[in-house]
Amino acid sequence: MKAYRARFFQISGPDWLASEHYDIAATIPQDATPQQFYLMLQNLLAERFHLVLHHETRDIRAYELAAGKNGPKLKESVSHTGADTAVPPSLQQLSPATRSMVLAGMPLATGTGVLMAGKARLIEALAEDLENILAVPVLDKTGLAGKYDYTLEFQRPGVDAAGDPLPSIFTAMEEQLGLRLEQKKLPFDVLVIDRADKVPTDN
């Protein structure tokens, strides 16, 4: 993913890619550009794992993040001074360290629910957070270019939580943020791995 700047859903290959782990120690020249760095990683994969791949366009199930039927309920972020009075109770109860991680976009499991929040974050970053939770692509189609503060609480996807008062992630997006997730089939460039050795070549 890093070598080809691809997202998880853009990699197609053998199942062991998701289960095998490797330690890699490499030296990168201090004056290397980002483009050179990515090329070095690609060469490492080709030399050590004999990786061979090709590009292919595939239709993939995805979600588009757009404004809800009544419009976004988000407010642009402003600077706060003194006590964090703008932080809702669900975040005030957290330790400062945990609160900072949640506000930076790290979802927090709360029993059968999930708490997500952001402080001065782009909607594009929110889409990436949702992508990690839903395990499918989420594309920002809101047209919102500012930075926003928000909190979002919903029932954890895939968890059997009958009687849980928390809404689904789709209902929560509409009710709490005024945004909607619309399912689509969209074309994406996919890296199809034709060959990769499970045991890499030693130094």
N, C-alpha and C. Protein backbone atom coordinates (compact mmCIF):
# COMPACT_ATOMS: atom_id res chain seq x y z
N MET A 1 0.82 -1.20 0.00
CA MET A 1 0.00 0.00 0.00
C MET A 1 0.86 1.25 0.00
N LYS A 2 1.88 1.28 0.86
CA LYS A 2 2.73 2.47 0.92
C LYS A 2 3.55 2.62 -0.35
N ALA A 3 4.10 1.51 -0.86
CA ALA A 3 4.97 1.60 -2.02
C ALA A 3 4.24 2.13 -3.24
N TYR A 4 2.97 1.75 -3.40
CA TYR A 4 2.20 2.16 -4.58
C TYR A 4 1.14 3.20 -4.24
N ARG A 5 1.18 3.71 -3.01
CA ARG A 5 0.23 4.73 -2.56
C ARG A 5 -1.21 4.31 -2.87
N ALA A 6 -1.51 3.08 -2.52
CA ALA A 6 -2.84 2.52 -2.74
C ALA A 6 -3.55 2.35 -1.41
N ARG A 7 -4.87 2.25 -1.45
CA ARG A 7 -5.65 1.97 -0.26
C ARG A 7 -5.93 0.47 -0.20
N PHE A 8 -6.39 0.02 0.98
CA PHE A 8 -6.48 -1.42 1.22
C PHE A 8 -7.36 -2.13 0.19
N PHE A 9 -8.42 -1.47 -0.28
CA PHE A 9 -9.34 -2.11 -1.20
C PHE A 9 -8.80 -2.13 -2.63
N GLN A 10 -7.64 -1.53 -2.84
CA GLN A 10 -7.04 -1.51 -4.17
C GLN A 10 -5.96 -2.59 -4.34
N ILE A 11 -5.85 -3.48 -3.38
CA ILE A 11 -4.87 -4.57 -3.45
C ILE A 11 -5.62 -5.89 -3.58
N SER A 12 -5.32 -6.66 -4.62
CA SER A 12 -5.93 -7.98 -4.83
C SER A 12 -4.82 -9.00 -4.98
N GLY A 13 -4.82 -10.00 -4.10
CA GLY A 13 -3.77 -11.01 -4.15
C GLY A 13 -4.08 -12.17 -3.23
N PRO A 14 -3.11 -13.04 -2.97
CA PRO A 14 -3.33 -14.21 -2.12
C PRO A 14 -3.70 -13.83 -0.69
N ASP A 15 -4.42 -14.73 -0.02
CA ASP A 15 -4.91 -14.46 1.34
C ASP A 15 -3.78 -14.19 2.33
N TRP A 16 -2.62 -14.82 2.12
CA TRP A 16 -1.55 -14.69 3.12
C TRP A 16 -1.00 -13.26 3.21
N LEU A 17 -1.32 -12.41 2.24
CA LEU A 17 -0.87 -11.02 2.31
C LEU A 17 -1.39 -10.32 3.57
N ALA A 18 -2.56 -10.77 4.04
CA ALA A 18 -3.18 -10.13 5.21
C ALA A 18 -2.80 -10.80 6.52
N SER A 19 -2.01 -11.88 6.47
CA SER A 19 -1.71 -12.60 7.70
C SER A 19 -0.21 -12.74 7.99
N GLU A 20 0.63 -12.69 6.96
CA GLU A 20 2.07 -12.82 7.18
C GLU A 20 2.69 -11.48 7.57
N HIS A 21 3.66 -11.54 8.48
CA HIS A 21 4.32 -10.32 8.97
C HIS A 21 5.82 -10.42 8.76
N TYR A 22 6.43 -9.29 8.46
CA TYR A 22 7.86 -9.26 8.17
C TYR A 22 8.52 -8.07 8.86
N ASP A 23 9.79 -8.25 9.22
CA ASP A 23 10.60 -7.14 9.72
C ASP A 23 11.49 -6.68 8.57
N ILE A 24 11.45 -5.40 8.27
CA ILE A 24 12.24 -4.85 7.18
C ILE A 24 13.11 -3.73 7.73
N ALA A 25 14.41 -3.84 7.50
CA ALA A 25 15.36 -2.79 7.91
C ALA A 25 16.03 -2.27 6.65
N ALA A 26 15.86 -1.01 6.35
CA ALA A 26 16.43 -0.43 5.14
C ALA A 26 16.93 0.97 5.42
N THR A 27 17.94 1.38 4.70
CA THR A 27 18.50 2.73 4.83
C THR A 27 18.07 3.57 3.64
N ILE A 28 17.57 4.75 3.92
CA ILE A 28 17.09 5.65 2.88
C ILE A 28 17.99 6.89 2.87
N PRO A 29 18.53 7.27 1.72
CA PRO A 29 19.35 8.49 1.65
C PRO A 29 18.59 9.70 2.17
N GLN A 30 19.30 10.56 2.90
CA GLN A 30 18.65 11.72 3.51
C GLN A 30 18.04 12.67 2.48
N ASP A 31 18.62 12.70 1.29
CA ASP A 31 18.13 13.64 0.28
C ASP A 31 17.13 13.01 -0.68
N ALA A 32 16.63 11.80 -0.34
CA ALA A 32 15.66 11.13 -1.21
C ALA A 32 14.34 11.88 -1.23
N THR A 33 13.77 12.03 -2.40
CA THR A 33 12.46 12.67 -2.54
C THR A 33 11.38 11.64 -2.23
N PRO A 34 10.16 12.10 -1.93
CA PRO A 34 9.07 11.13 -1.71
C PRO A 34 8.90 10.16 -2.87
N GLN A 35 9.00 10.66 -4.11
CA GLN A 35 8.85 9.80 -5.28
C GLN A 35 9.94 8.74 -5.31
N GLN A 36 11.17 9.13 -4.97
CA GLN A 36 12.28 8.17 -4.93
C GLN A 36 12.07 7.14 -3.83
N PHE A 37 11.52 7.60 -2.70
CA PHE A 37 11.25 6.68 -1.59
C PHE A 37 10.25 5.60 -2.00
N TYR A 38 9.16 6.01 -2.67
CA TYR A 38 8.16 5.03 -3.11
C TYR A 38 8.77 4.05 -4.11
N LEU A 39 9.62 4.55 -5.00
CA LEU A 39 10.26 3.69 -5.98
C LEU A 39 11.20 2.69 -5.31
N MET A 40 11.90 3.13 -4.26
CA MET A 40 12.77 2.23 -3.49
C MET A 40 11.97 1.10 -2.87
N LEU A 41 10.80 1.43 -2.33
CA LEU A 41 9.94 0.40 -1.75
C LEU A 41 9.47 -0.59 -2.81
N GLN A 42 9.12 -0.07 -3.98
CA GLN A 42 8.69 -0.94 -5.07
C GLN A 42 9.82 -1.88 -5.49
N ASN A 43 11.03 -1.34 -5.57
CA ASN A 43 12.18 -2.16 -5.93
C ASN A 43 12.47 -3.22 -4.86
N LEU A 44 12.31 -2.84 -3.60
CA LEU A 44 12.52 -3.80 -2.52
C LEU A 44 11.56 -4.97 -2.64
N LEU A 45 10.29 -4.67 -2.91
CA LEU A 45 9.29 -5.72 -3.06
C LEU A 45 9.60 -6.62 -4.26
N ALA A 46 10.08 -6.01 -5.34
CA ALA A 46 10.40 -6.79 -6.53
C ALA A 46 11.63 -7.67 -6.31
N GLU A 47 12.64 -7.12 -5.61
CA GLU A 47 13.89 -7.86 -5.42
C GLU A 47 13.77 -8.94 -4.35
N ARG A 48 13.13 -8.61 -3.24
CA ARG A 48 13.09 -9.54 -2.10
C ARG A 48 11.92 -10.52 -2.17
N PHE A 49 10.78 -10.05 -2.68
CA PHE A 49 9.58 -10.92 -2.74
C PHE A 49 9.25 -11.34 -4.17
N HIS A 50 10.04 -10.87 -5.14
CA HIS A 50 9.78 -11.16 -6.56
C HIS A 50 8.34 -10.79 -6.94
N LEU A 51 7.92 -9.66 -6.43
CA LEU A 51 6.56 -9.20 -6.66
C LEU A 51 6.35 -8.82 -8.12
N VAL A 52 5.29 -9.35 -8.68
CA VAL A 52 4.86 -8.99 -10.03
C VAL A 52 3.37 -8.65 -9.97
N LEU A 53 2.97 -7.51 -10.51
CA LEU A 53 1.57 -7.10 -10.46
C LEU A 53 1.19 -6.35 -11.71
N HIS A 54 -0.11 -6.17 -11.88
CA HIS A 54 -0.60 -5.34 -12.98
C HIS A 54 -1.80 -4.53 -12.51
N HIS A 55 -2.11 -3.47 -13.23
CA HIS A 55 -3.24 -2.60 -12.90
C HIS A 55 -4.49 -3.09 -13.63
N GLU A 56 -5.61 -2.96 -12.95
CA GLU A 56 -6.89 -3.38 -13.53
C GLU A 56 -8.00 -2.52 -12.95
N THR A 57 -8.93 -2.08 -13.79
CA THR A 57 -10.07 -1.31 -13.30
C THR A 57 -11.20 -2.25 -12.91
N ARG A 58 -11.68 -2.10 -11.67
CA ARG A 58 -12.76 -2.95 -11.19
C ARG A 58 -13.85 -2.10 -10.54
N ASP A 59 -15.09 -2.55 -10.67
CA ASP A 59 -16.20 -1.90 -9.97
C ASP A 59 -16.24 -2.42 -8.55
N ILE A 60 -16.17 -1.53 -7.59
CA ILE A 60 -16.10 -1.90 -6.18
C ILE A 60 -17.25 -1.23 -5.42
N ARG A 61 -17.85 -1.97 -4.49
CA ARG A 61 -18.89 -1.38 -3.64
C ARG A 61 -18.28 -0.29 -2.78
N ALA A 62 -18.91 0.86 -2.79
CA ALA A 62 -18.38 2.01 -2.07
C ALA A 62 -19.52 2.85 -1.53
N TYR A 63 -19.18 3.86 -0.75
CA TYR A 63 -20.16 4.83 -0.27
C TYR A 63 -19.70 6.23 -0.65
N GLU A 64 -20.66 7.06 -1.03
CA GLU A 64 -20.40 8.47 -1.22
C GLU A 64 -20.96 9.21 -0.02
N LEU A 65 -20.12 10.05 0.58
CA LEU A 65 -20.53 10.87 1.71
C LEU A 65 -21.03 12.20 1.17
N ALA A 66 -22.31 12.47 1.40
CA ALA A 66 -22.93 13.67 0.83
C ALA A 66 -23.79 14.36 1.89
N ALA A 67 -24.28 15.55 1.56
CA ALA A 67 -25.16 16.28 2.47
C ALA A 67 -26.48 15.53 2.62
N GLY A 68 -27.03 15.52 3.84
CA GLY A 68 -28.30 14.87 4.10
C GLY A 68 -29.46 15.66 3.52
N LYS A 69 -30.66 15.10 3.62
CA LYS A 69 -31.82 15.74 3.00
C LYS A 69 -32.12 17.12 3.59
N ASN A 70 -31.76 17.34 4.85
CA ASN A 70 -31.99 18.64 5.47
C ASN A 70 -30.73 19.49 5.57
N GLY A 71 -29.67 19.06 4.90
CA GLY A 71 -28.43 19.83 4.90
C GLY A 71 -27.52 19.49 6.06
N PRO A 72 -26.23 19.78 5.94
CA PRO A 72 -25.26 19.48 7.00
C PRO A 72 -25.57 20.21 8.30
N LYS A 73 -25.28 19.54 9.41
CA LYS A 73 -25.46 20.15 10.72
C LYS A 73 -24.11 20.54 11.34
N LEU A 74 -23.08 20.47 10.57
CA LEU A 74 -21.73 20.76 11.04
C LEU A 74 -21.49 22.26 11.16
N LYS A 75 -20.68 22.63 12.14
CA LYS A 75 -20.26 24.02 12.29
C LYS A 75 -18.74 24.07 12.19
N GLU A 76 -18.26 25.09 11.50
CA GLU A 76 -16.81 25.19 11.34
C GLU A 76 -16.15 25.40 12.69
N SER A 77 -14.95 24.85 12.80
CA SER A 77 -14.21 24.91 14.05
C SER A 77 -13.78 26.33 14.37
N VAL A 78 -13.82 26.66 15.67
CA VAL A 78 -13.33 27.95 16.15
C VAL A 78 -12.38 27.69 17.30
N SER A 79 -11.52 28.63 17.60
CA SER A 79 -10.57 28.46 18.69
C SER A 79 -11.27 28.63 20.03
N HIS A 80 -10.97 27.72 20.95
CA HIS A 80 -11.57 27.79 22.28
C HIS A 80 -10.48 28.15 23.28
N THR A 81 -10.83 28.91 24.27
CA THR A 81 -9.89 29.28 25.32
C THR A 81 -10.42 28.80 26.65
N GLY A 82 -9.50 28.66 27.61
CA GLY A 82 -9.92 28.22 28.93
C GLY A 82 -10.35 26.77 28.92
N ALA A 83 -11.36 26.45 29.77
CA ALA A 83 -11.86 25.08 29.86
C ALA A 83 -12.48 24.66 28.55
N ASP A 84 -12.44 23.35 28.28
CA ASP A 84 -12.96 22.82 27.02
C ASP A 84 -14.47 22.68 27.13
N THR A 85 -15.16 23.82 27.26
CA THR A 85 -16.60 23.79 27.50
C THR A 85 -17.37 23.32 26.28
N ALA A 86 -16.74 23.42 25.08
CA ALA A 86 -17.45 23.02 23.86
C ALA A 86 -17.44 21.51 23.67
N VAL A 87 -16.66 20.80 24.46
CA VAL A 87 -16.58 19.35 24.34
C VAL A 87 -17.80 18.72 24.99
N PRO A 88 -18.54 17.87 24.30
CA PRO A 88 -19.74 17.25 24.86
C PRO A 88 -19.41 16.31 26.01
N PRO A 89 -20.41 15.98 26.84
CA PRO A 89 -20.18 15.11 28.00
C PRO A 89 -19.51 13.79 27.65
N SER A 90 -19.85 13.20 26.50
CA SER A 90 -19.27 11.91 26.13
C SER A 90 -17.76 11.98 26.00
N LEU A 91 -17.22 13.17 25.72
CA LEU A 91 -15.77 13.33 25.62
C LEU A 91 -15.16 13.86 26.90
N GLN A 92 -15.92 14.67 27.64
CA GLN A 92 -15.40 15.23 28.89
C GLN A 92 -15.08 14.13 29.90
N GLN A 93 -15.76 12.99 29.79
CA GLN A 93 -15.54 11.89 30.74
C GLN A 93 -14.25 11.13 30.45
N LEU A 94 -13.63 11.36 29.31
CA LEU A 94 -12.41 10.63 28.94
C LEU A 94 -11.18 11.30 29.54
N SER A 95 -10.11 10.51 29.66
CA SER A 95 -8.85 11.08 30.10
C SER A 95 -8.33 12.02 29.01
N PRO A 96 -7.50 13.00 29.38
CA PRO A 96 -6.98 13.93 28.36
C PRO A 96 -6.28 13.22 27.20
N ALA A 97 -5.52 12.17 27.50
CA ALA A 97 -4.80 11.46 26.44
C ALA A 97 -5.77 10.75 25.49
N THR A 98 -6.77 10.06 26.08
CA THR A 98 -7.75 9.36 25.25
C THR A 98 -8.58 10.36 24.45
N ARG A 99 -8.95 11.46 25.07
CA ARG A 99 -9.74 12.48 24.38
C ARG A 99 -8.98 13.02 23.18
N SER A 100 -7.68 13.26 23.34
CA SER A 100 -6.86 13.78 22.24
C SER A 100 -6.84 12.80 21.07
N MET A 101 -6.72 11.50 21.39
CA MET A 101 -6.69 10.50 20.32
C MET A 101 -8.03 10.44 19.58
N VAL A 102 -9.13 10.51 20.34
CA VAL A 102 -10.46 10.47 19.72
C VAL A 102 -10.68 11.69 18.84
N LEU A 103 -10.27 12.86 19.34
CA LEU A 103 -10.45 14.10 18.56
C LEU A 103 -9.57 14.12 17.31
N ALA A 104 -8.52 13.30 17.33
CA ALA A 104 -7.65 13.20 16.15
C ALA A 104 -8.17 12.20 15.14
N GLY A 105 -9.33 11.57 15.46
CA GLY A 105 -9.96 10.68 14.50
C GLY A 105 -9.92 9.21 14.85
N MET A 106 -9.39 8.84 16.02
CA MET A 106 -9.34 7.43 16.39
C MET A 106 -10.67 7.01 17.02
N PRO A 107 -11.41 6.09 16.40
CA PRO A 107 -12.69 5.65 16.98
C PRO A 107 -12.48 4.97 18.34
N LEU A 108 -13.42 5.15 19.24
CA LEU A 108 -13.34 4.56 20.56
C LEU A 108 -14.52 3.62 20.75
N ALA A 109 -14.24 2.34 21.02
CA ALA A 109 -15.30 1.37 21.28
C ALA A 109 -15.90 1.63 22.66
N THR A 110 -17.24 1.66 22.73
CA THR A 110 -17.94 1.90 23.99
C THR A 110 -19.01 0.83 24.16
N GLY A 111 -18.61 -0.33 24.64
CA GLY A 111 -19.55 -1.44 24.74
C GLY A 111 -19.90 -1.93 23.34
N THR A 112 -21.19 -1.82 23.00
CA THR A 112 -21.62 -2.21 21.65
C THR A 112 -21.61 -1.02 20.70
N GLY A 113 -21.13 0.12 21.17
CA GLY A 113 -21.14 1.32 20.35
C GLY A 113 -19.75 1.80 19.97
N VAL A 114 -19.74 2.86 19.18
CA VAL A 114 -18.50 3.51 18.75
C VAL A 114 -18.67 5.01 18.92
N LEU A 115 -17.65 5.66 19.47
CA LEU A 115 -17.62 7.11 19.59
C LEU A 115 -16.55 7.64 18.65
N MET A 116 -16.96 8.52 17.75
CA MET A 116 -16.03 9.19 16.85
C MET A 116 -16.15 10.69 17.08
N ALA A 117 -15.04 11.37 16.94
CA ALA A 117 -15.06 12.82 17.12
C ALA A 117 -13.96 13.45 16.30
N GLY A 118 -14.04 14.75 16.16
CA GLY A 118 -13.01 15.47 15.44
C GLY A 118 -12.94 16.90 15.92
N LYS A 119 -11.75 17.46 15.91
CA LYS A 119 -11.56 18.86 16.27
C LYS A 119 -10.75 19.51 15.15
N ALA A 120 -11.36 20.47 14.50
CA ALA A 120 -10.74 21.16 13.37
C ALA A 120 -10.27 20.17 12.31
N ARG A 121 -11.16 19.25 11.92
CA ARG A 121 -10.80 18.22 10.94
C ARG A 121 -11.52 18.45 9.62
N LEU A 122 -10.86 18.04 8.55
CA LEU A 122 -11.46 18.10 7.23
C LEU A 122 -12.48 16.97 7.06
N ILE A 123 -13.50 17.19 6.23
CA ILE A 123 -14.48 16.14 5.96
C ILE A 123 -13.82 14.98 5.23
N GLU A 124 -12.81 15.27 4.45
CA GLU A 124 -12.05 14.22 3.78
C GLU A 124 -11.44 13.25 4.79
N ALA A 125 -10.98 13.79 5.93
CA ALA A 125 -10.43 12.93 6.98
C ALA A 125 -11.53 12.10 7.63
N LEU A 126 -12.72 12.69 7.81
CA LEU A 126 -13.86 11.93 8.35
C LEU A 126 -14.20 10.78 7.41
N ALA A 127 -14.17 11.03 6.11
CA ALA A 127 -14.47 9.97 5.13
C ALA A 127 -13.48 8.82 5.26
N GLU A 128 -12.21 9.14 5.50
CA GLU A 128 -11.19 8.11 5.67
C GLU A 128 -11.45 7.30 6.95
N ASP A 129 -11.88 7.98 8.01
CA ASP A 129 -12.21 7.27 9.26
C ASP A 129 -13.37 6.31 9.04
N LEU A 130 -14.39 6.78 8.33
CA LEU A 130 -15.56 5.93 8.05
C LEU A 130 -15.16 4.75 7.16
N GLU A 131 -14.23 5.00 6.27
CA GLU A 131 -13.74 3.94 5.38
C GLU A 131 -13.12 2.81 6.18
N ASN A 132 -12.36 3.14 7.21
CA ASN A 132 -11.72 2.13 8.04
C ASN A 132 -12.75 1.33 8.83
N ILE A 133 -13.83 1.97 9.25
CA ILE A 133 -14.86 1.28 10.02
C ILE A 133 -15.72 0.38 9.13
N LEU A 134 -16.10 0.90 7.97
CA LEU A 134 -16.98 0.16 7.06
C LEU A 134 -16.23 -0.83 6.18
N ALA A 135 -14.91 -0.69 6.10
CA ALA A 135 -14.06 -1.59 5.30
C ALA A 135 -14.40 -1.56 3.82
N VAL A 136 -14.92 -0.44 3.36
CA VAL A 136 -15.16 -0.20 1.92
C VAL A 136 -14.81 1.26 1.66
N PRO A 137 -14.55 1.62 0.40
CA PRO A 137 -14.22 3.01 0.08
C PRO A 137 -15.33 3.98 0.47
N VAL A 138 -14.95 5.14 0.98
CA VAL A 138 -15.89 6.22 1.28
C VAL A 138 -15.33 7.49 0.64
N LEU A 139 -16.06 8.06 -0.31
CA LEU A 139 -15.61 9.22 -1.04
C LEU A 139 -16.36 10.46 -0.58
N ASP A 140 -15.61 11.54 -0.33
CA ASP A 140 -16.22 12.79 0.12
C ASP A 140 -16.85 13.52 -1.06
N LYS A 141 -18.16 13.63 -1.05
CA LYS A 141 -18.90 14.35 -2.08
C LYS A 141 -19.73 15.48 -1.46
N THR A 142 -19.33 15.92 -0.25
CA THR A 142 -20.11 16.94 0.46
C THR A 142 -19.88 18.34 -0.10
N GLY A 143 -18.71 18.59 -0.65
CA GLY A 143 -18.37 19.94 -1.08
C GLY A 143 -18.00 20.86 0.06
N LEU A 144 -17.88 20.31 1.28
CA LEU A 144 -17.53 21.10 2.46
C LEU A 144 -16.01 21.21 2.55
N ALA A 145 -15.49 22.44 2.52
CA ALA A 145 -14.04 22.64 2.45
C ALA A 145 -13.44 23.13 3.76
N GLY A 146 -14.27 23.39 4.77
CA GLY A 146 -13.75 23.92 6.02
C GLY A 146 -13.23 22.84 6.95
N LYS A 147 -12.86 23.27 8.16
CA LYS A 147 -12.46 22.35 9.23
C LYS A 147 -13.55 22.39 10.30
N TYR A 148 -13.90 21.22 10.80
CA TYR A 148 -15.09 21.12 11.65
C TYR A 148 -14.82 20.37 12.95
N ASP A 149 -15.62 20.74 13.98
CA ASP A 149 -15.67 20.00 15.24
C ASP A 149 -16.95 19.16 15.20
N TYR A 150 -16.85 17.90 15.59
CA TYR A 150 -18.05 17.05 15.57
C TYR A 150 -17.87 15.87 16.52
N THR A 151 -18.99 15.30 16.90
CA THR A 151 -19.01 14.02 17.61
C THR A 151 -20.06 13.14 16.95
N LEU A 152 -19.80 11.85 16.96
CA LEU A 152 -20.69 10.90 16.31
C LEU A 152 -20.70 9.62 17.13
N GLU A 153 -21.89 9.19 17.53
CA GLU A 153 -22.04 7.95 18.31
C GLU A 153 -23.01 7.03 17.60
N PHE A 154 -22.62 5.78 17.46
CA PHE A 154 -23.46 4.83 16.73
C PHE A 154 -23.17 3.40 17.18
N GLN A 155 -24.07 2.52 16.80
CA GLN A 155 -23.92 1.10 17.12
C GLN A 155 -22.81 0.51 16.26
N ARG A 156 -21.96 -0.29 16.88
CA ARG A 156 -20.84 -0.87 16.16
C ARG A 156 -21.33 -1.78 15.04
N PRO A 157 -20.89 -1.54 13.78
CA PRO A 157 -21.33 -2.39 12.67
C PRO A 157 -20.95 -3.85 12.89
N GLY A 158 -21.87 -4.76 12.58
CA GLY A 158 -21.60 -6.18 12.67
C GLY A 158 -21.79 -6.77 14.05
N VAL A 159 -22.14 -5.95 15.04
CA VAL A 159 -22.34 -6.44 16.41
C VAL A 159 -23.83 -6.67 16.65
N ASP A 160 -24.15 -7.84 17.20
CA ASP A 160 -25.54 -8.15 17.53
C ASP A 160 -25.89 -7.42 18.83
N ALA A 161 -26.57 -6.31 18.70
CA ALA A 161 -26.87 -5.48 19.87
C ALA A 161 -28.36 -5.15 19.90
N ALA A 162 -29.18 -6.19 19.97
CA ALA A 162 -30.62 -6.00 20.03
C ALA A 162 -30.99 -5.18 21.27
N GLY A 163 -31.81 -4.19 21.08
CA GLY A 163 -32.21 -3.34 22.19
C GLY A 163 -31.25 -2.21 22.48
N ASP A 164 -30.14 -2.14 21.75
CA ASP A 164 -29.17 -1.07 21.95
C ASP A 164 -29.82 0.25 21.52
N PRO A 165 -29.77 1.28 22.38
CA PRO A 165 -30.41 2.56 22.02
C PRO A 165 -29.65 3.34 20.95
N LEU A 166 -28.41 2.97 20.68
CA LEU A 166 -27.63 3.71 19.71
C LEU A 166 -28.11 3.42 18.28
N PRO A 167 -28.11 4.43 17.43
CA PRO A 167 -28.55 4.22 16.04
C PRO A 167 -27.46 3.56 15.21
N SER A 168 -27.81 3.10 14.03
CA SER A 168 -26.81 2.58 13.10
C SER A 168 -25.93 3.73 12.64
N ILE A 169 -24.80 3.41 12.04
CA ILE A 169 -23.89 4.45 11.57
C ILE A 169 -24.56 5.32 10.51
N PHE A 170 -25.45 4.73 9.72
CA PHE A 170 -26.12 5.47 8.65
C PHE A 170 -27.14 6.46 9.23
N THR A 171 -27.90 6.00 10.21
CA THR A 171 -28.87 6.88 10.88
C THR A 171 -28.16 7.97 11.66
N ALA A 172 -27.07 7.61 12.34
CA ALA A 172 -26.32 8.57 13.14
C ALA A 172 -25.74 9.68 12.27
N MET A 173 -25.22 9.32 11.11
CA MET A 173 -24.66 10.33 10.20
C MET A 173 -25.72 11.36 9.82
N GLU A 174 -26.94 10.89 9.52
CA GLU A 174 -28.02 11.79 9.11
C GLU A 174 -28.51 12.63 10.27
N GLU A 175 -28.73 11.99 11.42
CA GLU A 175 -29.33 12.69 12.56
C GLU A 175 -28.34 13.61 13.27
N GLN A 176 -27.09 13.18 13.40
CA GLN A 176 -26.12 13.91 14.22
C GLN A 176 -25.27 14.89 13.42
N LEU A 177 -24.97 14.56 12.16
CA LEU A 177 -24.10 15.42 11.36
C LEU A 177 -24.80 16.01 10.14
N GLY A 178 -25.99 15.53 9.83
CA GLY A 178 -26.68 16.02 8.65
C GLY A 178 -26.02 15.58 7.36
N LEU A 179 -25.38 14.42 7.40
CA LEU A 179 -24.73 13.85 6.23
C LEU A 179 -25.31 12.47 5.96
N ARG A 180 -25.14 11.97 4.74
CA ARG A 180 -25.65 10.64 4.42
C ARG A 180 -24.59 9.82 3.70
N LEU A 181 -24.67 8.53 3.88
CA LEU A 181 -23.79 7.58 3.19
C LEU A 181 -24.63 6.86 2.15
N GLU A 182 -24.32 7.09 0.89
CA GLU A 182 -25.08 6.50 -0.21
C GLU A 182 -24.24 5.43 -0.89
N GLN A 183 -24.78 4.20 -0.91
CA GLN A 183 -24.03 3.08 -1.48
C GLN A 183 -23.99 3.17 -3.01
N LYS A 184 -22.80 2.87 -3.56
CA LYS A 184 -22.60 2.93 -5.01
C LYS A 184 -21.71 1.77 -5.44
N LYS A 185 -21.67 1.53 -6.74
CA LYS A 185 -20.67 0.68 -7.37
C LYS A 185 -19.81 1.59 -8.22
N LEU A 186 -18.53 1.75 -7.87
CA LEU A 186 -17.69 2.72 -8.55
C LEU A 186 -16.42 2.06 -9.07
N PRO A 187 -15.90 2.55 -10.19
CA PRO A 187 -14.68 1.99 -10.76
C PRO A 187 -13.43 2.49 -10.02
N PHE A 188 -12.54 1.57 -9.68
CA PHE A 188 -11.28 1.92 -9.02
C PHE A 188 -10.13 1.19 -9.71
N ASP A 189 -8.97 1.82 -9.69
CA ASP A 189 -7.76 1.17 -10.16
C ASP A 189 -7.32 0.18 -9.08
N VAL A 190 -7.13 -1.09 -9.46
CA VAL A 190 -6.76 -2.14 -8.51
C VAL A 190 -5.41 -2.72 -8.91
N LEU A 191 -4.54 -2.94 -7.92
CA LEU A 191 -3.26 -3.59 -8.14
C LEU A 191 -3.46 -5.09 -7.94
N VAL A 192 -3.41 -5.84 -9.01
CA VAL A 192 -3.62 -7.28 -8.97
C VAL A 192 -2.25 -7.95 -8.91
N ILE A 193 -1.99 -8.68 -7.83
CA ILE A 193 -0.70 -9.32 -7.63
C ILE A 193 -0.69 -10.66 -8.37
N ASP A 194 0.18 -10.75 -9.36
CA ASP A 194 0.30 -11.98 -10.15
C ASP A 194 1.24 -12.98 -9.49
N ARG A 195 2.23 -12.45 -8.79
CA ARG A 195 3.20 -13.32 -8.13
C ARG A 195 3.82 -12.60 -6.95
N ALA A 196 4.03 -13.31 -5.84
CA ALA A 196 4.77 -12.80 -4.69
C ALA A 196 5.22 -13.99 -3.87
N ASP A 197 6.50 -14.02 -3.50
CA ASP A 197 7.03 -15.13 -2.70
C ASP A 197 6.70 -14.91 -1.23
N LYS A 198 6.20 -15.95 -0.61
CA LYS A 198 5.86 -15.84 0.81
C LYS A 198 7.12 -15.72 1.66
N VAL A 199 8.20 -16.36 1.22
CA VAL A 199 9.49 -16.28 1.91
C VAL A 199 10.41 -15.38 1.09
N PRO A 200 10.78 -14.22 1.61
CA PRO A 200 11.60 -13.29 0.83
C PRO A 200 13.05 -13.74 0.72
N THR A 201 13.74 -13.16 -0.24
CA THR A 201 15.17 -13.41 -0.42
C THR A 201 15.94 -12.73 0.70
N ASP A 202 16.91 -13.44 1.31
CA ASP A 202 17.72 -12.86 2.38
C ASP A 202 18.74 -11.89 1.82
N ASN A 203 19.35 -11.11 2.73
CA ASN A 203 20.43 -10.21 2.32
C ASN A 203 21.61 -11.03 1.79
